Amino acid sequence: TQSGFLVIADADSGAKVLEDGSVMHMTPSQRYWYQGAVEKGGIYFSKAETDIFTGKKNITCSCPVYIDGELVAAVGADLFLDDLEEAIQESADENGFEMIVDEDGHVIFSPWEEGIFQVQDTSKAEDLRQSDEEELAAFVRDALQGTAAARAVEVEGKHYYMISGTLESVGWLIISVVDQAAADQPKEAMLTNYRDIS
């Protein structure tokens, strides 16, 4: 509520209790989902954020509540993205990986733990559309506009092939990144065989 009263119903209430038995303090009216719903004046879907109670990635759907035209509260529901995060983590191998980039150019899921493709809170995340890595920035800009095709991209001195697809309901990109040398091996082997035959 506007006065700070909070009611939570979920299957993980233990995540809201600290080790000393006290309940974790949170001011709902200061949270992104509350402010977003109030600002929009209707149903609001947050960006992918890290839940303060569980540490899991989620999207919050929220809506303001009015009585006689006066804001009295906001209600919200968390949509956790565990399965999506797990699939992205499992995509990594020695030749490539997949990542998800949101509509603001921020990496929100990636198996990388450091470097340009690592996941960071939205307040710290780099907008890849503005990256100093010009080929990457152009690819992400084009992909978000729906005009990117598979493309060779150099990032931090390494050469990759990248291809993107759009998750239209949320406006995100899923980008497959493959090491260029590994992807070219079958072609190179075929050319070598062709030269040998010739």
N, C-alpha and C. Protein backbone atom coordinates (compact mmCIF):
# COMPACT_ATOMS: atom_id res chain seq x y z
N THR A 1 0.84 -1.19 0.00
CA THR A 1 0.00 0.00 0.00
C THR A 1 0.87 1.24 0.00
N GLN A 2 0.24 2.41 -0.17
CA GLN A 2 0.97 3.67 -0.11
C GLN A 2 1.63 3.87 1.25
N SER A 3 1.03 3.33 2.28
CA SER A 3 1.58 3.52 3.62
C SER A 3 2.74 2.55 3.92
N GLY A 4 2.99 1.60 2.99
CA GLY A 4 4.11 0.67 3.18
C GLY A 4 3.72 -0.70 3.67
N PHE A 5 2.43 -0.95 3.89
CA PHE A 5 1.97 -2.27 4.31
C PHE A 5 2.13 -3.23 3.14
N LEU A 6 2.68 -4.41 3.40
CA LEU A 6 2.99 -5.37 2.35
C LEU A 6 2.42 -6.73 2.69
N VAL A 7 1.72 -7.34 1.74
CA VAL A 7 1.21 -8.70 1.87
C VAL A 7 1.86 -9.53 0.77
N ILE A 8 2.48 -10.64 1.14
CA ILE A 8 3.14 -11.51 0.17
C ILE A 8 2.57 -12.90 0.30
N ALA A 9 2.22 -13.49 -0.84
CA ALA A 9 1.78 -14.88 -0.88
C ALA A 9 2.62 -15.59 -1.93
N ASP A 10 3.37 -16.60 -1.49
CA ASP A 10 4.17 -17.35 -2.46
C ASP A 10 4.58 -18.70 -1.87
N ALA A 11 5.32 -19.44 -2.68
CA ALA A 11 5.76 -20.77 -2.26
C ALA A 11 7.17 -20.75 -1.66
N ASP A 12 7.76 -19.58 -1.50
CA ASP A 12 9.13 -19.49 -1.00
C ASP A 12 9.23 -18.43 0.09
N SER A 13 8.34 -18.51 1.06
CA SER A 13 8.32 -17.48 2.11
C SER A 13 9.59 -17.50 2.95
N GLY A 14 10.28 -18.61 3.02
CA GLY A 14 11.51 -18.70 3.79
C GLY A 14 12.59 -17.78 3.28
N ALA A 15 12.55 -17.43 2.01
CA ALA A 15 13.55 -16.54 1.44
C ALA A 15 13.42 -15.12 1.97
N LYS A 16 12.33 -14.84 2.63
CA LYS A 16 12.08 -13.48 3.12
C LYS A 16 12.43 -13.32 4.60
N VAL A 17 12.92 -14.39 5.21
CA VAL A 17 13.27 -14.37 6.63
C VAL A 17 14.79 -14.46 6.76
N LEU A 18 15.37 -13.53 7.51
CA LEU A 18 16.82 -13.51 7.70
C LEU A 18 17.24 -14.57 8.71
N GLU A 19 18.54 -14.82 8.80
CA GLU A 19 19.06 -15.86 9.69
C GLU A 19 18.69 -15.63 11.15
N ASP A 20 18.55 -14.36 11.56
CA ASP A 20 18.21 -14.08 12.95
C ASP A 20 16.70 -14.19 13.23
N GLY A 21 15.93 -14.59 12.21
CA GLY A 21 14.49 -14.77 12.38
C GLY A 21 13.67 -13.55 12.03
N SER A 22 14.31 -12.43 11.78
CA SER A 22 13.56 -11.23 11.42
C SER A 22 13.19 -11.27 9.93
N VAL A 23 12.17 -10.53 9.59
CA VAL A 23 11.71 -10.47 8.21
C VAL A 23 12.52 -9.42 7.46
N MET A 24 12.97 -9.78 6.26
CA MET A 24 13.74 -8.87 5.44
C MET A 24 12.92 -7.61 5.17
N HIS A 25 13.54 -6.46 5.36
CA HIS A 25 12.83 -5.20 5.14
C HIS A 25 12.90 -4.78 3.67
N MET A 26 11.78 -4.31 3.17
CA MET A 26 11.71 -3.80 1.81
C MET A 26 10.62 -2.75 1.78
N THR A 27 10.89 -1.63 1.13
CA THR A 27 9.88 -0.59 0.99
C THR A 27 9.27 -0.73 -0.40
N PRO A 28 8.08 -1.31 -0.50
CA PRO A 28 7.49 -1.59 -1.81
C PRO A 28 7.39 -0.36 -2.71
N SER A 29 7.02 0.78 -2.16
CA SER A 29 6.81 1.96 -3.01
C SER A 29 8.12 2.45 -3.64
N GLN A 30 9.27 1.94 -3.18
CA GLN A 30 10.56 2.30 -3.76
C GLN A 30 11.04 1.27 -4.78
N ARG A 31 10.28 0.21 -4.96
CA ARG A 31 10.70 -0.85 -5.88
C ARG A 31 10.29 -0.52 -7.32
N TYR A 32 11.09 -1.00 -8.28
CA TYR A 32 10.87 -0.72 -9.70
C TYR A 32 9.48 -1.15 -10.17
N TRP A 33 8.97 -2.27 -9.68
CA TRP A 33 7.68 -2.77 -10.15
C TRP A 33 6.53 -1.88 -9.67
N TYR A 34 6.66 -1.36 -8.46
CA TYR A 34 5.63 -0.47 -7.91
C TYR A 34 5.65 0.86 -8.66
N GLN A 35 6.83 1.44 -8.78
CA GLN A 35 6.96 2.73 -9.45
C GLN A 35 6.56 2.64 -10.92
N GLY A 36 6.91 1.54 -11.57
CA GLY A 36 6.55 1.37 -12.98
C GLY A 36 5.05 1.30 -13.18
N ALA A 37 4.36 0.58 -12.29
CA ALA A 37 2.90 0.46 -12.39
C ALA A 37 2.22 1.81 -12.16
N VAL A 38 2.71 2.54 -11.16
CA VAL A 38 2.13 3.85 -10.84
C VAL A 38 2.38 4.83 -11.99
N GLU A 39 3.59 4.83 -12.52
CA GLU A 39 3.93 5.74 -13.61
C GLU A 39 3.10 5.44 -14.86
N LYS A 40 2.94 4.15 -15.16
CA LYS A 40 2.17 3.77 -16.34
C LYS A 40 0.67 3.95 -16.12
N GLY A 41 0.23 3.79 -14.87
CA GLY A 41 -1.20 3.91 -14.59
C GLY A 41 -1.99 2.69 -15.01
N GLY A 42 -1.32 1.59 -15.21
CA GLY A 42 -1.97 0.35 -15.65
C GLY A 42 -1.00 -0.80 -15.54
N ILE A 43 -1.31 -1.89 -16.23
CA ILE A 43 -0.48 -3.10 -16.16
C ILE A 43 0.92 -2.79 -16.69
N TYR A 44 1.92 -3.19 -15.91
CA TYR A 44 3.31 -2.89 -16.21
C TYR A 44 4.13 -4.17 -16.12
N PHE A 45 4.98 -4.40 -17.11
CA PHE A 45 5.93 -5.51 -17.08
C PHE A 45 7.32 -4.92 -16.92
N SER A 46 8.01 -5.33 -15.86
CA SER A 46 9.36 -4.82 -15.61
C SER A 46 10.36 -5.42 -16.58
N LYS A 47 11.54 -4.89 -16.58
CA LYS A 47 12.65 -5.52 -17.27
C LYS A 47 13.08 -6.73 -16.42
N ALA A 48 13.91 -7.57 -16.96
CA ALA A 48 14.42 -8.71 -16.19
C ALA A 48 15.32 -8.17 -15.10
N GLU A 49 15.00 -8.47 -13.87
CA GLU A 49 15.75 -7.99 -12.71
C GLU A 49 16.08 -9.18 -11.82
N THR A 50 16.90 -8.94 -10.83
CA THR A 50 17.22 -9.97 -9.84
C THR A 50 16.33 -9.76 -8.63
N ASP A 51 15.56 -10.77 -8.26
CA ASP A 51 14.66 -10.70 -7.13
C ASP A 51 15.46 -10.52 -5.84
N ILE A 52 15.08 -9.55 -5.01
CA ILE A 52 15.87 -9.27 -3.80
C ILE A 52 15.74 -10.38 -2.76
N PHE A 53 14.69 -11.16 -2.81
CA PHE A 53 14.51 -12.22 -1.82
C PHE A 53 15.21 -13.51 -2.21
N THR A 54 15.11 -13.91 -3.48
CA THR A 54 15.63 -15.22 -3.89
C THR A 54 16.93 -15.14 -4.66
N GLY A 55 17.26 -13.96 -5.20
CA GLY A 55 18.44 -13.84 -6.05
C GLY A 55 18.23 -14.39 -7.45
N LYS A 56 16.99 -14.79 -7.77
CA LYS A 56 16.69 -15.35 -9.09
C LYS A 56 16.27 -14.24 -10.05
N LYS A 57 16.54 -14.47 -11.34
CA LYS A 57 16.12 -13.54 -12.38
C LYS A 57 14.61 -13.65 -12.56
N ASN A 58 13.95 -12.48 -12.65
CA ASN A 58 12.51 -12.50 -12.84
C ASN A 58 12.03 -11.26 -13.57
N ILE A 59 10.81 -11.35 -14.03
CA ILE A 59 10.08 -10.19 -14.55
C ILE A 59 8.90 -10.04 -13.60
N THR A 60 8.58 -8.81 -13.24
CA THR A 60 7.43 -8.58 -12.38
C THR A 60 6.32 -7.90 -13.17
N CYS A 61 5.14 -8.49 -13.10
CA CYS A 61 3.95 -7.88 -13.69
C CYS A 61 3.23 -7.19 -12.54
N SER A 62 2.95 -5.90 -12.68
CA SER A 62 2.30 -5.17 -11.59
C SER A 62 1.23 -4.25 -12.14
N CYS A 63 0.38 -3.80 -11.22
CA CYS A 63 -0.73 -2.94 -11.60
C CYS A 63 -1.10 -2.06 -10.41
N PRO A 64 -1.35 -0.77 -10.64
CA PRO A 64 -1.76 0.10 -9.53
C PRO A 64 -3.21 -0.19 -9.13
N VAL A 65 -3.53 0.08 -7.86
CA VAL A 65 -4.90 -0.09 -7.36
C VAL A 65 -5.41 1.28 -6.92
N TYR A 66 -6.54 1.67 -7.46
CA TYR A 66 -7.14 2.96 -7.14
C TYR A 66 -8.50 2.75 -6.47
N ILE A 67 -8.81 3.56 -5.50
CA ILE A 67 -10.15 3.60 -4.90
C ILE A 67 -10.63 5.04 -5.01
N ASP A 68 -11.76 5.20 -5.66
CA ASP A 68 -12.32 6.53 -5.90
C ASP A 68 -11.28 7.46 -6.53
N GLY A 69 -10.52 6.92 -7.48
CA GLY A 69 -9.54 7.71 -8.20
C GLY A 69 -8.25 7.98 -7.47
N GLU A 70 -8.12 7.47 -6.24
CA GLU A 70 -6.92 7.71 -5.45
C GLU A 70 -6.07 6.44 -5.38
N LEU A 71 -4.76 6.58 -5.66
CA LEU A 71 -3.85 5.44 -5.58
C LEU A 71 -3.75 4.96 -4.14
N VAL A 72 -4.02 3.67 -3.92
CA VAL A 72 -3.92 3.12 -2.57
C VAL A 72 -2.87 2.01 -2.47
N ALA A 73 -2.52 1.39 -3.61
CA ALA A 73 -1.59 0.27 -3.56
C ALA A 73 -1.17 -0.11 -4.97
N ALA A 74 -0.29 -1.08 -5.03
CA ALA A 74 0.04 -1.74 -6.30
C ALA A 74 0.15 -3.23 -6.00
N VAL A 75 -0.29 -4.04 -6.92
CA VAL A 75 -0.17 -5.49 -6.79
C VAL A 75 0.82 -5.98 -7.83
N GLY A 76 1.53 -7.04 -7.51
CA GLY A 76 2.52 -7.55 -8.46
C GLY A 76 2.66 -9.05 -8.37
N ALA A 77 3.11 -9.64 -9.45
CA ALA A 77 3.38 -11.08 -9.50
C ALA A 77 4.72 -11.28 -10.18
N ASP A 78 5.58 -12.08 -9.56
CA ASP A 78 6.89 -12.37 -10.13
C ASP A 78 6.80 -13.55 -11.08
N LEU A 79 7.44 -13.40 -12.23
CA LEU A 79 7.54 -14.48 -13.21
C LEU A 79 9.01 -14.85 -13.29
N PHE A 80 9.37 -15.98 -12.67
CA PHE A 80 10.78 -16.37 -12.60
C PHE A 80 11.23 -17.03 -13.90
N LEU A 81 12.48 -16.80 -14.24
CA LEU A 81 13.03 -17.21 -15.53
C LEU A 81 14.09 -18.30 -15.39
N ASP A 82 13.94 -19.15 -14.39
CA ASP A 82 14.94 -20.18 -14.10
C ASP A 82 15.23 -21.10 -15.29
N ASP A 83 14.17 -21.57 -15.95
CA ASP A 83 14.36 -22.51 -17.06
C ASP A 83 15.11 -21.87 -18.21
N LEU A 84 14.79 -20.62 -18.50
CA LEU A 84 15.46 -19.90 -19.57
C LEU A 84 16.94 -19.70 -19.22
N GLU A 85 17.19 -19.29 -18.00
CA GLU A 85 18.57 -19.08 -17.56
C GLU A 85 19.37 -20.38 -17.63
N GLU A 86 18.77 -21.48 -17.21
CA GLU A 86 19.45 -22.77 -17.24
C GLU A 86 19.78 -23.18 -18.68
N ALA A 87 18.84 -22.98 -19.60
CA ALA A 87 19.08 -23.34 -21.01
C ALA A 87 20.23 -22.53 -21.60
N ILE A 88 20.31 -21.25 -21.26
CA ILE A 88 21.39 -20.41 -21.76
C ILE A 88 22.73 -20.87 -21.16
N GLN A 89 22.75 -21.19 -19.86
CA GLN A 89 23.99 -21.67 -19.23
C GLN A 89 24.47 -22.95 -19.90
N GLU A 90 23.53 -23.84 -20.25
CA GLU A 90 23.90 -25.12 -20.85
C GLU A 90 24.29 -25.00 -22.32
N SER A 91 24.05 -23.83 -22.92
CA SER A 91 24.36 -23.66 -24.34
C SER A 91 25.86 -23.55 -24.61
N ALA A 92 26.62 -23.23 -23.58
CA ALA A 92 28.05 -22.96 -23.78
C ALA A 92 28.84 -24.23 -24.02
N ASP A 93 29.70 -24.18 -25.02
CA ASP A 93 30.70 -25.22 -25.22
C ASP A 93 31.96 -24.54 -25.75
N GLU A 94 32.95 -25.33 -26.16
CA GLU A 94 34.22 -24.71 -26.55
C GLU A 94 34.11 -23.88 -27.84
N ASN A 95 33.02 -24.06 -28.60
CA ASN A 95 32.90 -23.36 -29.88
C ASN A 95 31.90 -22.21 -29.89
N GLY A 96 31.12 -22.06 -28.83
CA GLY A 96 30.15 -20.97 -28.85
C GLY A 96 29.19 -21.01 -27.68
N PHE A 97 28.18 -20.17 -27.76
CA PHE A 97 27.20 -20.05 -26.70
C PHE A 97 26.00 -19.25 -27.21
N GLU A 98 24.98 -19.18 -26.40
CA GLU A 98 23.83 -18.34 -26.69
C GLU A 98 23.68 -17.34 -25.56
N MET A 99 23.09 -16.20 -25.89
CA MET A 99 22.82 -15.19 -24.88
C MET A 99 21.51 -14.49 -25.23
N ILE A 100 20.95 -13.82 -24.25
CA ILE A 100 19.73 -13.05 -24.48
C ILE A 100 20.02 -11.60 -24.15
N VAL A 101 19.62 -10.73 -25.06
CA VAL A 101 19.83 -9.29 -24.93
C VAL A 101 18.45 -8.64 -24.92
N ASP A 102 18.24 -7.72 -23.98
CA ASP A 102 16.93 -7.07 -23.90
C ASP A 102 16.83 -5.90 -24.87
N GLU A 103 15.67 -5.26 -24.88
CA GLU A 103 15.41 -4.17 -25.84
C GLU A 103 16.29 -2.95 -25.62
N ASP A 104 16.97 -2.88 -24.47
CA ASP A 104 17.89 -1.78 -24.19
C ASP A 104 19.34 -2.14 -24.50
N GLY A 105 19.56 -3.29 -25.12
CA GLY A 105 20.91 -3.71 -25.48
C GLY A 105 21.70 -4.31 -24.34
N HIS A 106 21.04 -4.65 -23.23
CA HIS A 106 21.72 -5.23 -22.07
C HIS A 106 21.70 -6.76 -22.15
N VAL A 107 22.83 -7.38 -21.85
CA VAL A 107 22.88 -8.84 -21.76
C VAL A 107 22.16 -9.24 -20.47
N ILE A 108 21.09 -10.00 -20.60
CA ILE A 108 20.36 -10.40 -19.40
C ILE A 108 20.51 -11.88 -19.07
N PHE A 109 20.95 -12.70 -20.05
CA PHE A 109 21.30 -14.09 -19.80
C PHE A 109 22.50 -14.43 -20.66
N SER A 110 23.51 -15.02 -20.04
CA SER A 110 24.72 -15.42 -20.74
C SER A 110 25.52 -16.36 -19.85
N PRO A 111 26.24 -17.31 -20.45
CA PRO A 111 27.11 -18.16 -19.63
C PRO A 111 28.42 -17.48 -19.25
N TRP A 112 28.72 -16.32 -19.81
CA TRP A 112 29.97 -15.61 -19.50
C TRP A 112 29.88 -15.00 -18.11
N GLU A 113 30.98 -15.12 -17.35
CA GLU A 113 31.02 -14.54 -16.01
C GLU A 113 31.82 -13.25 -15.94
N GLU A 114 32.50 -12.92 -17.03
CA GLU A 114 33.24 -11.66 -17.10
C GLU A 114 33.34 -11.23 -18.55
N GLY A 115 33.76 -10.01 -18.76
CA GLY A 115 33.89 -9.51 -20.12
C GLY A 115 32.61 -8.89 -20.65
N ILE A 116 32.62 -8.59 -21.91
CA ILE A 116 31.54 -7.83 -22.53
C ILE A 116 30.20 -8.56 -22.53
N PHE A 117 30.22 -9.90 -22.50
CA PHE A 117 28.97 -10.66 -22.57
C PHE A 117 28.45 -11.09 -21.19
N GLN A 118 29.04 -10.61 -20.12
CA GLN A 118 28.57 -11.00 -18.79
C GLN A 118 27.26 -10.30 -18.44
N VAL A 119 26.50 -10.92 -17.57
CA VAL A 119 25.24 -10.35 -17.09
C VAL A 119 25.54 -9.43 -15.92
N GLN A 120 24.94 -8.23 -15.96
CA GLN A 120 25.06 -7.28 -14.86
C GLN A 120 23.69 -6.69 -14.58
N ASP A 121 23.52 -6.14 -13.37
CA ASP A 121 22.27 -5.44 -13.06
C ASP A 121 22.07 -4.35 -14.10
N THR A 122 20.81 -4.05 -14.38
CA THR A 122 20.53 -3.07 -15.43
C THR A 122 21.17 -1.72 -15.15
N SER A 123 21.37 -1.38 -13.89
CA SER A 123 21.98 -0.08 -13.58
C SER A 123 23.46 -0.04 -13.97
N LYS A 124 24.10 -1.21 -14.11
CA LYS A 124 25.53 -1.27 -14.44
C LYS A 124 25.79 -1.84 -15.84
N ALA A 125 24.78 -2.46 -16.44
CA ALA A 125 24.98 -3.18 -17.69
C ALA A 125 25.31 -2.24 -18.84
N GLU A 126 26.20 -2.70 -19.70
CA GLU A 126 26.57 -1.94 -20.89
C GLU A 126 25.49 -2.11 -21.95
N ASP A 127 25.14 -1.04 -22.62
CA ASP A 127 24.24 -1.08 -23.76
C ASP A 127 25.09 -1.49 -24.96
N LEU A 128 24.92 -2.73 -25.42
CA LEU A 128 25.76 -3.23 -26.51
C LEU A 128 25.57 -2.42 -27.79
N ARG A 129 24.47 -1.72 -27.93
CA ARG A 129 24.25 -0.88 -29.10
C ARG A 129 25.22 0.30 -29.13
N GLN A 130 25.77 0.63 -27.96
CA GLN A 130 26.71 1.75 -27.84
C GLN A 130 28.13 1.27 -27.55
N SER A 131 28.38 -0.01 -27.71
CA SER A 131 29.68 -0.59 -27.37
C SER A 131 30.80 0.01 -28.22
N ASP A 132 32.00 0.05 -27.63
CA ASP A 132 33.19 0.45 -28.38
C ASP A 132 33.54 -0.61 -29.43
N GLU A 133 33.02 -1.82 -29.24
CA GLU A 133 33.20 -2.89 -30.23
C GLU A 133 32.19 -2.61 -31.35
N GLU A 134 32.65 -1.88 -32.38
CA GLU A 134 31.74 -1.33 -33.39
C GLU A 134 30.94 -2.37 -34.15
N GLU A 135 31.57 -3.49 -34.51
CA GLU A 135 30.85 -4.53 -35.26
C GLU A 135 29.73 -5.13 -34.40
N LEU A 136 30.03 -5.36 -33.12
CA LEU A 136 29.02 -5.88 -32.20
C LEU A 136 27.88 -4.87 -32.03
N ALA A 137 28.22 -3.61 -31.83
CA ALA A 137 27.20 -2.57 -31.65
C ALA A 137 26.28 -2.50 -32.87
N ALA A 138 26.85 -2.56 -34.06
CA ALA A 138 26.04 -2.51 -35.29
C ALA A 138 25.15 -3.73 -35.40
N PHE A 139 25.68 -4.91 -35.05
CA PHE A 139 24.88 -6.13 -35.12
C PHE A 139 23.69 -6.05 -34.18
N VAL A 140 23.91 -5.64 -32.92
CA VAL A 140 22.83 -5.58 -31.94
C VAL A 140 21.79 -4.53 -32.34
N ARG A 141 22.25 -3.38 -32.81
CA ARG A 141 21.30 -2.34 -33.28
C ARG A 141 20.42 -2.88 -34.41
N ASP A 142 21.07 -3.51 -35.39
CA ASP A 142 20.33 -4.04 -36.53
C ASP A 142 19.38 -5.16 -36.09
N ALA A 143 19.85 -6.02 -35.21
CA ALA A 143 19.01 -7.13 -34.75
C ALA A 143 17.77 -6.61 -34.02
N LEU A 144 17.94 -5.60 -33.19
CA LEU A 144 16.79 -5.04 -32.46
C LEU A 144 15.81 -4.35 -33.41
N GLN A 145 16.29 -3.91 -34.57
CA GLN A 145 15.42 -3.31 -35.57
C GLN A 145 14.89 -4.35 -36.55
N GLY A 146 15.31 -5.60 -36.36
CA GLY A 146 14.83 -6.68 -37.22
C GLY A 146 15.54 -6.77 -38.56
N THR A 147 16.72 -6.16 -38.69
CA THR A 147 17.40 -6.16 -39.98
C THR A 147 18.74 -6.90 -39.97
N ALA A 148 19.06 -7.61 -38.90
CA ALA A 148 20.35 -8.31 -38.85
C ALA A 148 20.20 -9.71 -39.43
N ALA A 149 21.16 -10.08 -40.24
CA ALA A 149 21.25 -11.45 -40.73
C ALA A 149 22.46 -12.08 -40.03
N ALA A 150 22.74 -13.32 -40.35
CA ALA A 150 23.95 -13.93 -39.81
C ALA A 150 25.13 -13.07 -40.26
N ARG A 151 26.05 -12.85 -39.36
CA ARG A 151 27.11 -11.89 -39.65
C ARG A 151 28.39 -12.30 -38.95
N ALA A 152 29.52 -12.04 -39.60
CA ALA A 152 30.83 -12.21 -38.96
C ALA A 152 31.09 -10.96 -38.13
N VAL A 153 31.44 -11.15 -36.87
CA VAL A 153 31.63 -10.03 -35.95
C VAL A 153 32.91 -10.25 -35.16
N GLU A 154 33.76 -9.22 -35.11
CA GLU A 154 34.96 -9.28 -34.27
C GLU A 154 34.66 -8.61 -32.94
N VAL A 155 34.94 -9.32 -31.84
CA VAL A 155 34.72 -8.79 -30.50
C VAL A 155 35.96 -9.09 -29.67
N GLU A 156 36.54 -8.04 -29.11
CA GLU A 156 37.72 -8.15 -28.26
C GLU A 156 38.82 -8.99 -28.91
N GLY A 157 39.02 -8.77 -30.22
CA GLY A 157 40.08 -9.45 -30.96
C GLY A 157 39.75 -10.87 -31.39
N LYS A 158 38.56 -11.36 -31.08
CA LYS A 158 38.16 -12.72 -31.47
C LYS A 158 37.09 -12.62 -32.57
N HIS A 159 37.09 -13.61 -33.45
CA HIS A 159 36.17 -13.60 -34.59
C HIS A 159 35.05 -14.61 -34.36
N TYR A 160 33.82 -14.14 -34.53
CA TYR A 160 32.63 -14.96 -34.32
C TYR A 160 31.67 -14.82 -35.49
N TYR A 161 30.81 -15.82 -35.64
CA TYR A 161 29.61 -15.66 -36.44
C TYR A 161 28.48 -15.47 -35.43
N MET A 162 27.60 -14.52 -35.71
CA MET A 162 26.44 -14.28 -34.84
C MET A 162 25.17 -14.31 -35.67
N ILE A 163 24.14 -14.86 -35.08
CA ILE A 163 22.82 -14.85 -35.69
C ILE A 163 21.81 -14.59 -34.56
N SER A 164 20.79 -13.84 -34.87
CA SER A 164 19.83 -13.50 -33.82
C SER A 164 18.41 -13.86 -34.23
N GLY A 165 17.61 -14.06 -33.21
CA GLY A 165 16.18 -14.25 -33.38
C GLY A 165 15.49 -13.38 -32.33
N THR A 166 14.27 -12.98 -32.61
CA THR A 166 13.56 -12.10 -31.70
C THR A 166 12.53 -12.88 -30.89
N LEU A 167 12.52 -12.64 -29.58
CA LEU A 167 11.46 -13.15 -28.71
C LEU A 167 10.43 -12.02 -28.66
N GLU A 168 9.50 -12.03 -29.61
CA GLU A 168 8.66 -10.87 -29.86
C GLU A 168 7.80 -10.44 -28.68
N SER A 169 7.32 -11.38 -27.88
CA SER A 169 6.41 -11.01 -26.79
C SER A 169 7.07 -10.09 -25.77
N VAL A 170 8.39 -10.19 -25.62
CA VAL A 170 9.09 -9.33 -24.67
C VAL A 170 10.10 -8.40 -25.33
N GLY A 171 10.28 -8.52 -26.64
CA GLY A 171 11.19 -7.62 -27.35
C GLY A 171 12.66 -7.93 -27.15
N TRP A 172 12.98 -9.15 -26.75
CA TRP A 172 14.37 -9.53 -26.51
C TRP A 172 14.93 -10.24 -27.73
N LEU A 173 16.26 -10.31 -27.76
CA LEU A 173 16.97 -11.07 -28.79
C LEU A 173 17.59 -12.30 -28.17
N ILE A 174 17.54 -13.41 -28.89
CA ILE A 174 18.38 -14.54 -28.54
C ILE A 174 19.46 -14.58 -29.61
N ILE A 175 20.70 -14.52 -29.18
CA ILE A 175 21.83 -14.43 -30.11
C ILE A 175 22.70 -15.67 -29.94
N SER A 176 22.92 -16.36 -31.04
CA SER A 176 23.84 -17.49 -31.05
C SER A 176 25.20 -16.97 -31.53
N VAL A 177 26.22 -17.30 -30.77
CA VAL A 177 27.58 -16.84 -31.04
C VAL A 177 28.45 -18.08 -31.24
N VAL A 178 29.09 -18.16 -32.41
CA VAL A 178 29.91 -19.33 -32.73
C VAL A 178 31.30 -18.86 -33.14
N ASP A 179 32.31 -19.52 -32.60
CA ASP A 179 33.68 -19.22 -32.97
C ASP A 179 33.85 -19.42 -34.48
N GLN A 180 34.34 -18.40 -35.17
CA GLN A 180 34.41 -18.42 -36.62
C GLN A 180 35.31 -19.55 -37.13
N ALA A 181 36.45 -19.74 -36.50
CA ALA A 181 37.38 -20.78 -36.95
C ALA A 181 36.76 -22.15 -36.82
N ALA A 182 36.04 -22.41 -35.72
CA ALA A 182 35.39 -23.71 -35.54
C ALA A 182 34.30 -23.92 -36.57
N ALA A 183 33.53 -22.86 -36.84
CA ALA A 183 32.45 -22.98 -37.81
C ALA A 183 32.99 -23.20 -39.23
N ASP A 184 34.16 -22.64 -39.52
CA ASP A 184 34.74 -22.76 -40.86
C ASP A 184 35.48 -24.07 -41.09
N GLN A 185 35.69 -24.89 -40.05
CA GLN A 185 36.48 -26.13 -40.19
C GLN A 185 35.93 -27.06 -41.27
N PRO A 186 34.61 -27.33 -41.32
CA PRO A 186 34.13 -28.23 -42.39
C PRO A 186 34.40 -27.68 -43.79
N LYS A 187 34.22 -26.37 -43.97
CA LYS A 187 34.48 -25.75 -45.27
C LYS A 187 35.96 -25.88 -45.62
N GLU A 188 36.83 -25.60 -44.65
CA GLU A 188 38.27 -25.68 -44.90
C GLU A 188 38.68 -27.11 -45.23
N ALA A 189 38.09 -28.07 -44.51
CA ALA A 189 38.41 -29.49 -44.78
C ALA A 189 37.96 -29.87 -46.19
N MET A 190 36.78 -29.39 -46.58
CA MET A 190 36.27 -29.69 -47.91
C MET A 190 37.16 -29.05 -49.00
N LEU A 191 37.61 -27.82 -48.79
CA LEU A 191 38.48 -27.16 -49.75
C LEU A 191 39.82 -27.89 -49.85
N THR A 192 40.35 -28.34 -48.70
CA THR A 192 41.60 -29.09 -48.72
C THR A 192 41.44 -30.37 -49.52
N ASN A 193 40.34 -31.10 -49.29
CA ASN A 193 40.07 -32.34 -50.03
C ASN A 193 39.92 -32.05 -51.53
N TYR A 194 39.25 -30.96 -51.84
CA TYR A 194 39.07 -30.58 -53.25
C TYR A 194 40.41 -30.30 -53.91
N ARG A 195 41.28 -29.57 -53.20
CA ARG A 195 42.61 -29.28 -53.75
C ARG A 195 43.40 -30.58 -53.92
N ASP A 196 43.29 -31.50 -52.93
CA ASP A 196 44.00 -32.78 -53.04
C ASP A 196 43.52 -33.57 -54.25
N ILE A 197 42.20 -33.59 -54.46
CA ILE A 197 41.64 -34.31 -55.60
C ILE A 197 42.10 -33.67 -56.91
N SER A 198 42.10 -32.34 -56.94
CA SER A 198 42.53 -31.64 -58.15
C SER A 198 43.99 -31.97 -58.47
